[in-house]
Amino acid sequence: MGRSGPYQKRMNQAIDRLVSATQHIRDCERCRRVFEATFEAIGETDNVAKGLPEELPAAPNPWGVMLEALRELRACKEWPIGI
C-alpha cells in the first residue's frame, strides 16, 4: 500500500476499467448473454473435476472459453473504449 505515483495511477485506471466493463455487462443484453454462456461453460469444468462419468464430453479449456468471450464482448458496439 506504500506505492504511489505512476503505479497508483495505473492501478486506479485498471480498477476503473474493471468497473466500466462490469457495468456494461450488467446493462447490455448482448454482453450479459455472452457472460452467462461463458459462466455456464466454465462451470462445466467444475463438474468434470467432481468426478462425473467419463462418457460425458470433455470440458472446454476455461482459458480458451475466456479468450473467446473477450473477443465477443469487445465486438459489442457499446463496449467501453480501452478495455
PDB file of N, CA and C in Angstrom:
ATOM      1  N   MET A   1       0.810  -1.203   0.000  1.00  0.00           N
ATOM      2  CA  MET A   1       0.000   0.000   0.000  1.00  0.00           C
ATOM      3  C   MET A   1       0.853   1.267   0.000  1.00  0.00           C
ATOM      4  N   GLY A   2       2.146   1.094   0.091  1.00  0.00           N
ATOM      5  CA  GLY A   2       3.014   2.239   0.151  1.00  0.00           C
ATOM      6  C   GLY A   2       3.398   2.790  -1.208  1.00  0.00           C
ATOM      7  N   ARG A   3       2.914   2.186  -2.289  1.00  0.00           N
ATOM      8  CA  ARG A   3       3.253   2.665  -3.631  1.00  0.00           C
ATOM      9  C   ARG A   3       2.413   3.878  -3.985  1.00  0.00           C
ATOM     10  N   SER A   4       3.015   4.737  -4.772  1.00  0.00           N
ATOM     11  CA  SER A   4       2.285   5.933  -5.198  1.00  0.00           C
ATOM     12  C   SER A   4       2.768   6.325  -6.580  1.00  0.00           C
ATOM     13  N   GLY A   5       2.341   7.471  -7.026  1.00  0.00           N
ATOM     14  CA  GLY A   5       2.777   7.989  -8.315  1.00  0.00           C
ATOM     15  C   GLY A   5       2.198   7.206  -9.480  1.00  0.00           C
ATOM     16  N   PRO A   6       3.050   6.897 -10.484  1.00  0.00           N
ATOM     17  CA  PRO A   6       2.576   6.232 -11.704  1.00  0.00           C
ATOM     18  C   PRO A   6       1.932   4.866 -11.436  1.00  0.00           C
ATOM     19  N   TYR A   7       2.484   4.110 -10.485  1.00  0.00           N
ATOM     20  CA  TYR A   7       1.910   2.797 -10.166  1.00  0.00           C
ATOM     21  C   TYR A   7       0.472   2.962  -9.680  1.00  0.00           C
ATOM     22  N   GLN A   8       0.269   3.860  -8.757  1.00  0.00           N
ATOM     23  CA  GLN A   8      -1.069   4.089  -8.196  1.00  0.00           C
ATOM     24  C   GLN A   8      -2.033   4.554  -9.282  1.00  0.00           C
ATOM     25  N   LYS A   9      -1.559   5.402 -10.174  1.00  0.00           N
ATOM     26  CA  LYS A   9      -2.403   5.896 -11.256  1.00  0.00           C
ATOM     27  C   LYS A   9      -2.830   4.751 -12.182  1.00  0.00           C
ATOM     28  N   ARG A  10      -1.877   3.880 -12.555  1.00  0.00           N
ATOM     29  CA  ARG A  10      -2.201   2.736 -13.416  1.00  0.00           C
ATOM     30  C   ARG A  10      -3.167   1.782 -12.726  1.00  0.00           C
ATOM     31  N   MET A  11      -2.954   1.566 -11.431  1.00  0.00           N
ATOM     32  CA  MET A  11      -3.837   0.678 -10.690  1.00  0.00           C
ATOM     33  C   MET A  11      -5.257   1.256 -10.637  1.00  0.00           C
ATOM     34  N   ASN A  12      -5.374   2.536 -10.370  1.00  0.00           N
ATOM     35  CA  ASN A  12      -6.694   3.180 -10.329  1.00  0.00           C
ATOM     36  C   ASN A  12      -7.379   3.116 -11.694  1.00  0.00           C
ATOM     37  N   GLN A  13      -6.615   3.296 -12.776  1.00  0.00           N
ATOM     38  CA  GLN A  13      -7.181   3.198 -14.119  1.00  0.00           C
ATOM     39  C   GLN A  13      -7.666   1.777 -14.393  1.00  0.00           C
ATOM     40  N   ALA A  14      -6.887   0.780 -13.970  1.00  0.00           N
ATOM     41  CA  ALA A  14      -7.283  -0.617 -14.171  1.00  0.00           C
ATOM     42  C   ALA A  14      -8.576  -0.917 -13.423  1.00  0.00           C
ATOM     43  N   ILE A  15      -8.690  -0.427 -12.205  1.00  0.00           N
ATOM     44  CA  ILE A  15      -9.909  -0.642 -11.419  1.00  0.00           C
ATOM     45  C   ILE A  15     -11.094   0.042 -12.090  1.00  0.00           C
ATOM     46  N   ASP A  16     -10.894   1.261 -12.572  1.00  0.00           N
ATOM     47  CA  ASP A  16     -11.966   1.977 -13.264  1.00  0.00           C
ATOM     48  C   ASP A  16     -12.428   1.208 -14.503  1.00  0.00           C
ATOM     49  N   ARG A  17     -11.481   0.595 -15.222  1.00  0.00           N
ATOM     50  CA  ARG A  17     -11.840  -0.182 -16.407  1.00  0.00           C
ATOM     51  C   ARG A  17     -12.635  -1.424 -16.030  1.00  0.00           C
ATOM     52  N   LEU A  18     -12.233  -2.067 -14.944  1.00  0.00           N
ATOM     53  CA  LEU A  18     -12.997  -3.241 -14.482  1.00  0.00           C
ATOM     54  C   LEU A  18     -14.429  -2.863 -14.126  1.00  0.00           C
ATOM     55  N   VAL A  19     -14.577  -1.730 -13.461  1.00  0.00           N
ATOM     56  CA  VAL A  19     -15.912  -1.258 -13.092  1.00  0.00           C
ATOM     57  C   VAL A  19     -16.725  -0.965 -14.351  1.00  0.00           C
ATOM     58  N   SER A  20     -16.110  -0.298 -15.336  1.00  0.00           N
ATOM     59  CA  SER A  20     -16.814   0.017 -16.585  1.00  0.00           C
ATOM     60  C   SER A  20     -17.255  -1.248 -17.299  1.00  0.00           C
ATOM     61  N   ALA A  21     -16.368  -2.238 -17.363  1.00  0.00           N
ATOM     62  CA  ALA A  21     -16.706  -3.494 -18.036  1.00  0.00           C
ATOM     63  C   ALA A  21     -17.847  -4.195 -17.308  1.00  0.00           C
ATOM     64  N   THR A  22     -17.774  -4.234 -15.989  1.00  0.00           N
ATOM     65  CA  THR A  22     -18.816  -4.890 -15.196  1.00  0.00           C
ATOM     66  C   THR A  22     -20.158  -4.204 -15.386  1.00  0.00           C
ATOM     67  N   GLN A  23     -20.164  -2.887 -15.357  1.00  0.00           N
ATOM     68  CA  GLN A  23     -21.417  -2.146 -15.545  1.00  0.00           C
ATOM     69  C   GLN A  23     -21.983  -2.387 -16.941  1.00  0.00           C
ATOM     70  N   HIS A  24     -21.095  -2.436 -17.930  1.00  0.00           N
ATOM     71  CA  HIS A  24     -21.564  -2.664 -19.298  1.00  0.00           C
ATOM     72  C   HIS A  24     -22.191  -4.051 -19.423  1.00  0.00           C
ATOM     73  N   ILE A  25     -21.523  -5.070 -18.879  1.00  0.00           N
ATOM     74  CA  ILE A  25     -22.060  -6.432 -18.952  1.00  0.00           C
ATOM     75  C   ILE A  25     -23.416  -6.504 -18.258  1.00  0.00           C
ATOM     76  N   ARG A  26     -23.559  -5.795 -17.165  1.00  0.00           N
ATOM     77  CA  ARG A  26     -24.833  -5.786 -16.444  1.00  0.00           C
ATOM     78  C   ARG A  26     -25.935  -5.114 -17.268  1.00  0.00           C
ATOM     79  N   ASP A  27     -25.597  -4.050 -17.990  1.00  0.00           N
ATOM     80  CA  ASP A  27     -26.602  -3.234 -18.670  1.00  0.00           C
ATOM     81  C   ASP A  27     -26.868  -3.624 -20.123  1.00  0.00           C
ATOM     82  N   CYS A  28     -25.943  -4.320 -20.771  1.00  0.00           N
ATOM     83  CA  CYS A  28     -26.085  -4.674 -22.184  1.00  0.00           C
ATOM     84  C   CYS A  28     -26.596  -6.104 -22.299  1.00  0.00           C
ATOM     85  N   GLU A  29     -27.757  -6.272 -22.910  1.00  0.00           N
ATOM     86  CA  GLU A  29     -28.356  -7.605 -23.019  1.00  0.00           C
ATOM     87  C   GLU A  29     -27.454  -8.572 -23.773  1.00  0.00           C
ATOM     88  N   ARG A  30     -26.846  -8.117 -24.855  1.00  0.00           N
ATOM     89  CA  ARG A  30     -25.966  -8.981 -25.648  1.00  0.00           C
ATOM     90  C   ARG A  30     -24.779  -9.458 -24.821  1.00  0.00           C
ATOM     91  N   CYS A  31     -24.104  -8.540 -24.171  1.00  0.00           N
ATOM     92  CA  CYS A  31     -22.920  -8.901 -23.394  1.00  0.00           C
ATOM     93  C   CYS A  31     -23.281  -9.709 -22.155  1.00  0.00           C
ATOM     94  N   ARG A  32     -24.443  -9.459 -21.635  1.00  0.00           N
ATOM     95  CA  ARG A  32     -24.903 -10.256 -20.491  1.00  0.00           C
ATOM     96  C   ARG A  32     -25.087 -11.717 -20.908  1.00  0.00           C
ATOM     97  N   ARG A  33     -25.631 -11.934 -22.123  1.00  0.00           N
ATOM     98  CA  ARG A  33     -25.795 -13.301 -22.627  1.00  0.00           C
ATOM     99  C   ARG A  33     -24.439 -13.964 -22.872  1.00  0.00           C
ATOM    100  N   VAL A  34     -23.483 -13.197 -23.413  1.00  0.00           N
ATOM    101  CA  VAL A  34     -22.126 -13.729 -23.625  1.00  0.00           C
ATOM    102  C   VAL A  34     -21.526 -14.138 -22.286  1.00  0.00           C
ATOM    103  N   PHE A  35     -21.656 -13.265 -21.290  1.00  0.00           N
ATOM    104  CA  PHE A  35     -21.101 -13.573 -19.970  1.00  0.00           C
ATOM    105  C   PHE A  35     -21.779 -14.803 -19.372  1.00  0.00           C
ATOM    106  N   GLU A  36     -23.089 -14.888 -19.507  1.00  0.00           N
ATOM    107  CA  GLU A  36     -23.824 -16.028 -18.955  1.00  0.00           C
ATOM    108  C   GLU A  36     -23.373 -17.338 -19.608  1.00  0.00           C
ATOM    109  N   ALA A  37     -23.230 -17.326 -20.936  1.00  0.00           N
ATOM    110  CA  ALA A  37     -22.780 -18.530 -21.640  1.00  0.00           C
ATOM    111  C   ALA A  37     -21.366 -18.908 -21.203  1.00  0.00           C
ATOM    112  N   THR A  38     -20.518 -17.914 -21.018  1.00  0.00           N
ATOM    113  CA  THR A  38     -19.144 -18.163 -20.561  1.00  0.00           C
ATOM    114  C   THR A  38     -19.154 -18.752 -19.159  1.00  0.00           C
ATOM    115  N   PHE A  39     -19.946 -18.173 -18.303  1.00  0.00           N
ATOM    116  CA  PHE A  39     -20.054 -18.640 -16.920  1.00  0.00           C
ATOM    117  C   PHE A  39     -20.508 -20.097 -16.888  1.00  0.00           C
ATOM    118  N   GLU A  40     -21.507 -20.428 -17.703  1.00  0.00           N
ATOM    119  CA  GLU A  40     -22.007 -21.797 -17.750  1.00  0.00           C
ATOM    120  C   GLU A  40     -20.965 -22.751 -18.317  1.00  0.00           C
ATOM    121  N   ALA A  41     -20.265 -22.325 -19.379  1.00  0.00           N
ATOM    122  CA  ALA A  41     -19.256 -23.191 -19.999  1.00  0.00           C
ATOM    123  C   ALA A  41     -18.107 -23.473 -19.039  1.00  0.00           C
ATOM    124  N   ILE A  42     -17.673 -22.463 -18.331  1.00  0.00           N
ATOM    125  CA  ILE A  42     -16.577 -22.661 -17.383  1.00  0.00           C
ATOM    126  C   ILE A  42     -17.066 -23.475 -16.197  1.00  0.00           C
ATOM    127  N   GLY A  43     -18.310 -23.321 -15.829  1.00  0.00           N
ATOM    128  CA  GLY A  43     -18.869 -24.110 -14.740  1.00  0.00           C
ATOM    129  C   GLY A  43     -18.845 -25.595 -15.041  1.00  0.00           C
ATOM    130  N   GLU A  44     -18.916 -25.949 -16.327  1.00  0.00           N
ATOM    131  CA  GLU A  44     -18.851 -27.350 -16.705  1.00  0.00           C
ATOM    132  C   GLU A  44     -17.511 -27.959 -16.331  1.00  0.00           C
ATOM    133  N   THR A  45     -16.457 -27.173 -16.334  1.00  0.00           N
ATOM    134  CA  THR A  45     -15.144 -27.707 -15.964  1.00  0.00           C
ATOM    135  C   THR A  45     -15.149 -28.115 -14.502  1.00  0.00           C
ATOM    136  N   ASP A  46     -15.900 -27.407 -13.673  1.00  0.00           N
ATOM    137  CA  ASP A  46     -16.007 -27.776 -12.261  1.00  0.00           C
ATOM    138  C   ASP A  46     -16.691 -29.129 -12.110  1.00  0.00           C
ATOM    139  N   ASN A  47     -17.722 -29.382 -12.910  1.00  0.00           N
ATOM    140  CA  ASN A  47     -18.429 -30.651 -12.832  1.00  0.00           C
ATOM    141  C   ASN A  47     -17.514 -31.820 -13.189  1.00  0.00           C
ATOM    142  N   VAL A  48     -16.670 -31.635 -14.188  1.00  0.00           N
ATOM    143  CA  VAL A  48     -15.756 -32.703 -14.585  1.00  0.00           C
ATOM    144  C   VAL A  48     -14.771 -32.981 -13.455  1.00  0.00           C
ATOM    145  N   ALA A  49     -14.307 -31.932 -12.802  1.00  0.00           N
ATOM    146  CA  ALA A  49     -13.368 -32.112 -11.699  1.00  0.00           C
ATOM    147  C   ALA A  49     -14.008 -32.849 -10.529  1.00  0.00           C
ATOM    148  N   LYS A  50     -15.329 -32.832 -10.459  1.00  0.00           N
ATOM    149  CA  LYS A  50     -16.034 -33.500  -9.356  1.00  0.00           C
ATOM    150  C   LYS A  50     -16.218 -34.987  -9.600  1.00  0.00           C
ATOM    151  N   GLY A  51     -15.690 -35.499 -10.707  1.00  0.00           N
ATOM    152  CA  GLY A  51     -15.720 -36.936 -10.949  1.00  0.00           C
ATOM    153  C   GLY A  51     -16.936 -37.452 -11.676  1.00  0.00           C
ATOM    154  N   LEU A  52     -17.455 -36.702 -12.613  1.00  0.00           N
ATOM    155  CA  LEU A  52     -18.578 -37.191 -13.404  1.00  0.00           C
ATOM    156  C   LEU A  52     -18.109 -38.324 -14.313  1.00  0.00           C
ATOM    157  N   PRO A  53     -19.015 -39.131 -14.830  1.00  0.00           N
ATOM    158  CA  PRO A  53     -18.633 -40.253 -15.686  1.00  0.00           C
ATOM    159  C   PRO A  53     -17.800 -39.822 -16.891  1.00  0.00           C
ATOM    160  N   GLU A  54     -16.896 -40.708 -17.308  1.00  0.00           N
ATOM    161  CA  GLU A  54     -16.005 -40.411 -18.432  1.00  0.00           C
ATOM    162  C   GLU A  54     -16.750 -40.299 -19.752  1.00  0.00           C
ATOM    163  N   GLU A  55     -17.953 -40.853 -19.843  1.00  0.00           N
ATOM    164  CA  GLU A  55     -18.701 -40.805 -21.097  1.00  0.00           C
ATOM    165  C   GLU A  55     -19.100 -39.383 -21.484  1.00  0.00           C
ATOM    166  N   LEU A  56     -19.143 -38.501 -20.512  1.00  0.00           N
ATOM    167  CA  LEU A  56     -19.536 -37.124 -20.809  1.00  0.00           C
ATOM    168  C   LEU A  56     -18.459 -36.460 -21.660  1.00  0.00           C
ATOM    169  N   PRO A  57     -18.861 -35.536 -22.522  1.00  0.00           N
ATOM    170  CA  PRO A  57     -17.872 -34.849 -23.351  1.00  0.00           C
ATOM    171  C   PRO A  57     -16.853 -34.112 -22.490  1.00  0.00           C
ATOM    172  N   ALA A  58     -15.671 -33.969 -23.035  1.00  0.00           N
ATOM    173  CA  ALA A  58     -14.606 -33.263 -22.311  1.00  0.00           C
ATOM    174  C   ALA A  58     -15.013 -31.807 -22.094  1.00  0.00           C
ATOM    175  N   ALA A  59     -14.671 -31.307 -20.948  1.00  0.00           N
ATOM    176  CA  ALA A  59     -14.984 -29.912 -20.623  1.00  0.00           C
ATOM    177  C   ALA A  59     -14.096 -28.988 -21.449  1.00  0.00           C
ATOM    178  N   PRO A  60     -14.607 -27.820 -21.768  1.00  0.00           N
ATOM    179  CA  PRO A  60     -13.794 -26.876 -22.529  1.00  0.00           C
ATOM    180  C   PRO A  60     -12.653 -26.325 -21.679  1.00  0.00           C
ATOM    181  N   ASN A  61     -11.613 -25.909 -22.352  1.00  0.00           N
ATOM    182  CA  ASN A  61     -10.498 -25.258 -21.676  1.00  0.00           C
ATOM    183  C   ASN A  61     -10.995 -23.901 -21.163  1.00  0.00           C
ATOM    184  N   PRO A  62     -10.956 -23.641 -19.853  1.00  0.00           N
ATOM    185  CA  PRO A  62     -11.505 -22.387 -19.331  1.00  0.00           C
ATOM    186  C   PRO A  62     -10.838 -21.144 -19.918  1.00  0.00           C
ATOM    187  N   TRP A  63      -9.534 -21.209 -20.156  1.00  0.00           N
ATOM    188  CA  TRP A  63      -8.851 -20.033 -20.714  1.00  0.00           C
ATOM    189  C   TRP A  63      -9.255 -19.794 -22.154  1.00  0.00           C
ATOM    190  N   GLY A  64      -9.457 -20.864 -22.903  1.00  0.00           N
ATOM    191  CA  GLY A  64      -9.925 -20.714 -24.276  1.00  0.00           C
ATOM    192  C   GLY A  64     -11.320 -20.112 -24.319  1.00  0.00           C
ATOM    193  N   VAL A  65     -12.162 -20.547 -23.398  1.00  0.00           N
ATOM    194  CA  VAL A  65     -13.521 -20.004 -23.309  1.00  0.00           C
ATOM    195  C   VAL A  65     -13.456 -18.512 -22.972  1.00  0.00           C
ATOM    196  N   MET A  66     -12.600 -18.155 -22.030  1.00  0.00           N
ATOM    197  CA  MET A  66     -12.481 -16.743 -21.628  1.00  0.00           C
ATOM    198  C   MET A  66     -11.975 -15.885 -22.779  1.00  0.00           C
ATOM    199  N   LEU A  67     -10.977 -16.357 -23.512  1.00  0.00           N
ATOM    200  CA  LEU A  67     -10.447 -15.584 -24.641  1.00  0.00           C
ATOM    201  C   LEU A  67     -11.517 -15.365 -25.704  1.00  0.00           C
ATOM    202  N   GLU A  68     -12.283 -16.411 -25.984  1.00  0.00           N
ATOM    203  CA  GLU A  68     -13.358 -16.268 -26.962  1.00  0.00           C
ATOM    204  C   GLU A  68     -14.424 -15.297 -26.461  1.00  0.00           C
ATOM    205  N   ALA A  69     -14.741 -15.369 -25.189  1.00  0.00           N
ATOM    206  CA  ALA A  69     -15.728 -14.444 -24.609  1.00  0.00           C
ATOM    207  C   ALA A  69     -15.239 -13.006 -24.697  1.00  0.00           C
ATOM    208  N   LEU A  70     -13.962 -12.788 -24.422  1.00  0.00           N
ATOM    209  CA  LEU A  70     -13.416 -11.427 -24.513  1.00  0.00           C
ATOM    210  C   LEU A  70     -13.528 -10.883 -25.936  1.00  0.00           C
ATOM    211  N   ARG A  71     -13.273 -11.745 -26.922  1.00  0.00           N
ATOM    212  CA  ARG A  71     -13.434 -11.305 -28.318  1.00  0.00           C
ATOM    213  C   ARG A  71     -14.882 -10.890 -28.580  1.00  0.00           C
ATOM    214  N   GLU A  72     -15.799 -11.696 -28.097  1.00  0.00           N
ATOM    215  CA  GLU A  72     -17.214 -11.390 -28.292  1.00  0.00           C
ATOM    216  C   GLU A  72     -17.614 -10.103 -27.570  1.00  0.00           C
ATOM    217  N   LEU A  73     -17.156  -9.943 -26.346  1.00  0.00           N
ATOM    218  CA  LEU A  73     -17.502  -8.728 -25.595  1.00  0.00           C
ATOM    219  C   LEU A  73     -16.949  -7.492 -26.291  1.00  0.00           C
ATOM    220  N   ARG A  74     -15.711  -7.568 -26.741  1.00  0.00           N
ATOM    221  CA  ARG A  74     -15.085  -6.416 -27.400  1.00  0.00           C
ATOM    222  C   ARG A  74     -15.715  -6.107 -28.755  1.00  0.00           C
ATOM    223  N   ALA A  75     -16.430  -7.066 -29.329  1.00  0.00           N
ATOM    224  CA  ALA A  75     -17.103  -6.840 -30.604  1.00  0.00           C
ATOM    225  C   ALA A  75     -18.380  -6.015 -30.439  1.00  0.00           C
ATOM    226  N   CYS A  76     -18.826  -5.845 -29.216  1.00  0.00           N
ATOM    227  CA  CYS A  76     -20.030  -5.054 -28.960  1.00  0.00           C
ATOM    228  C   CYS A  76     -19.777  -3.597 -29.320  1.00  0.00           C
ATOM    229  N   LYS A  77     -20.727  -3.000 -30.023  1.00  0.00           N
ATOM    230  CA  LYS A  77     -20.586  -1.601 -30.443  1.00  0.00           C
ATOM    231  C   LYS A  77     -20.522  -0.643 -29.266  1.00  0.00           C
ATOM    232  N   GLU A  78     -21.070  -1.044 -28.136  1.00  0.00           N
ATOM    233  CA  GLU A  78     -21.122  -0.175 -26.963  1.00  0.00           C
ATOM    234  C   GLU A  78     -20.053  -0.506 -25.916  1.00  0.00           C
ATOM    235  N   TRP A  79     -19.166  -1.464 -26.224  1.00  0.00           N
ATOM    236  CA  TRP A  79     -18.129  -1.861 -25.262  1.00  0.00           C
ATOM    237  C   TRP A  79     -17.275  -0.654 -24.903  1.00  0.00           C
ATOM    238  N   PRO A  80     -16.961  -0.450 -23.627  1.00  0.00           N
ATOM    239  CA  PRO A  80     -16.146   0.707 -23.223  1.00  0.00           C
ATOM    240  C   PRO A  80     -14.781   0.717 -23.905  1.00  0.00           C
ATOM    241  N   ILE A  81     -14.387   1.865 -24.369  1.00  0.00           N
ATOM    242  CA  ILE A  81     -13.111   2.034 -25.064  1.00  0.00           C
ATOM    243  C   ILE A  81     -11.955   1.807 -24.088  1.00  0.00           C
ATOM    244  N   GLY A  82     -10.919   1.139 -24.573  1.00  0.00           N
ATOM    245  CA  GLY A  82      -9.713   0.954 -23.779  1.00  0.00           C
ATOM    246  C   GLY A  82      -9.715  -0.258 -22.888  1.00  0.00           C
ATOM    247  N   ILE A  83     -10.723  -1.101 -23.017  1.00  0.00           N
ATOM    248  CA  ILE A  83     -10.774  -2.289 -22.156  1.00  0.00           C
ATOM    249  C   ILE A  83     -10.501  -3.511 -23.004  1.00  0.00           C
TER     250      ILE A  83
END
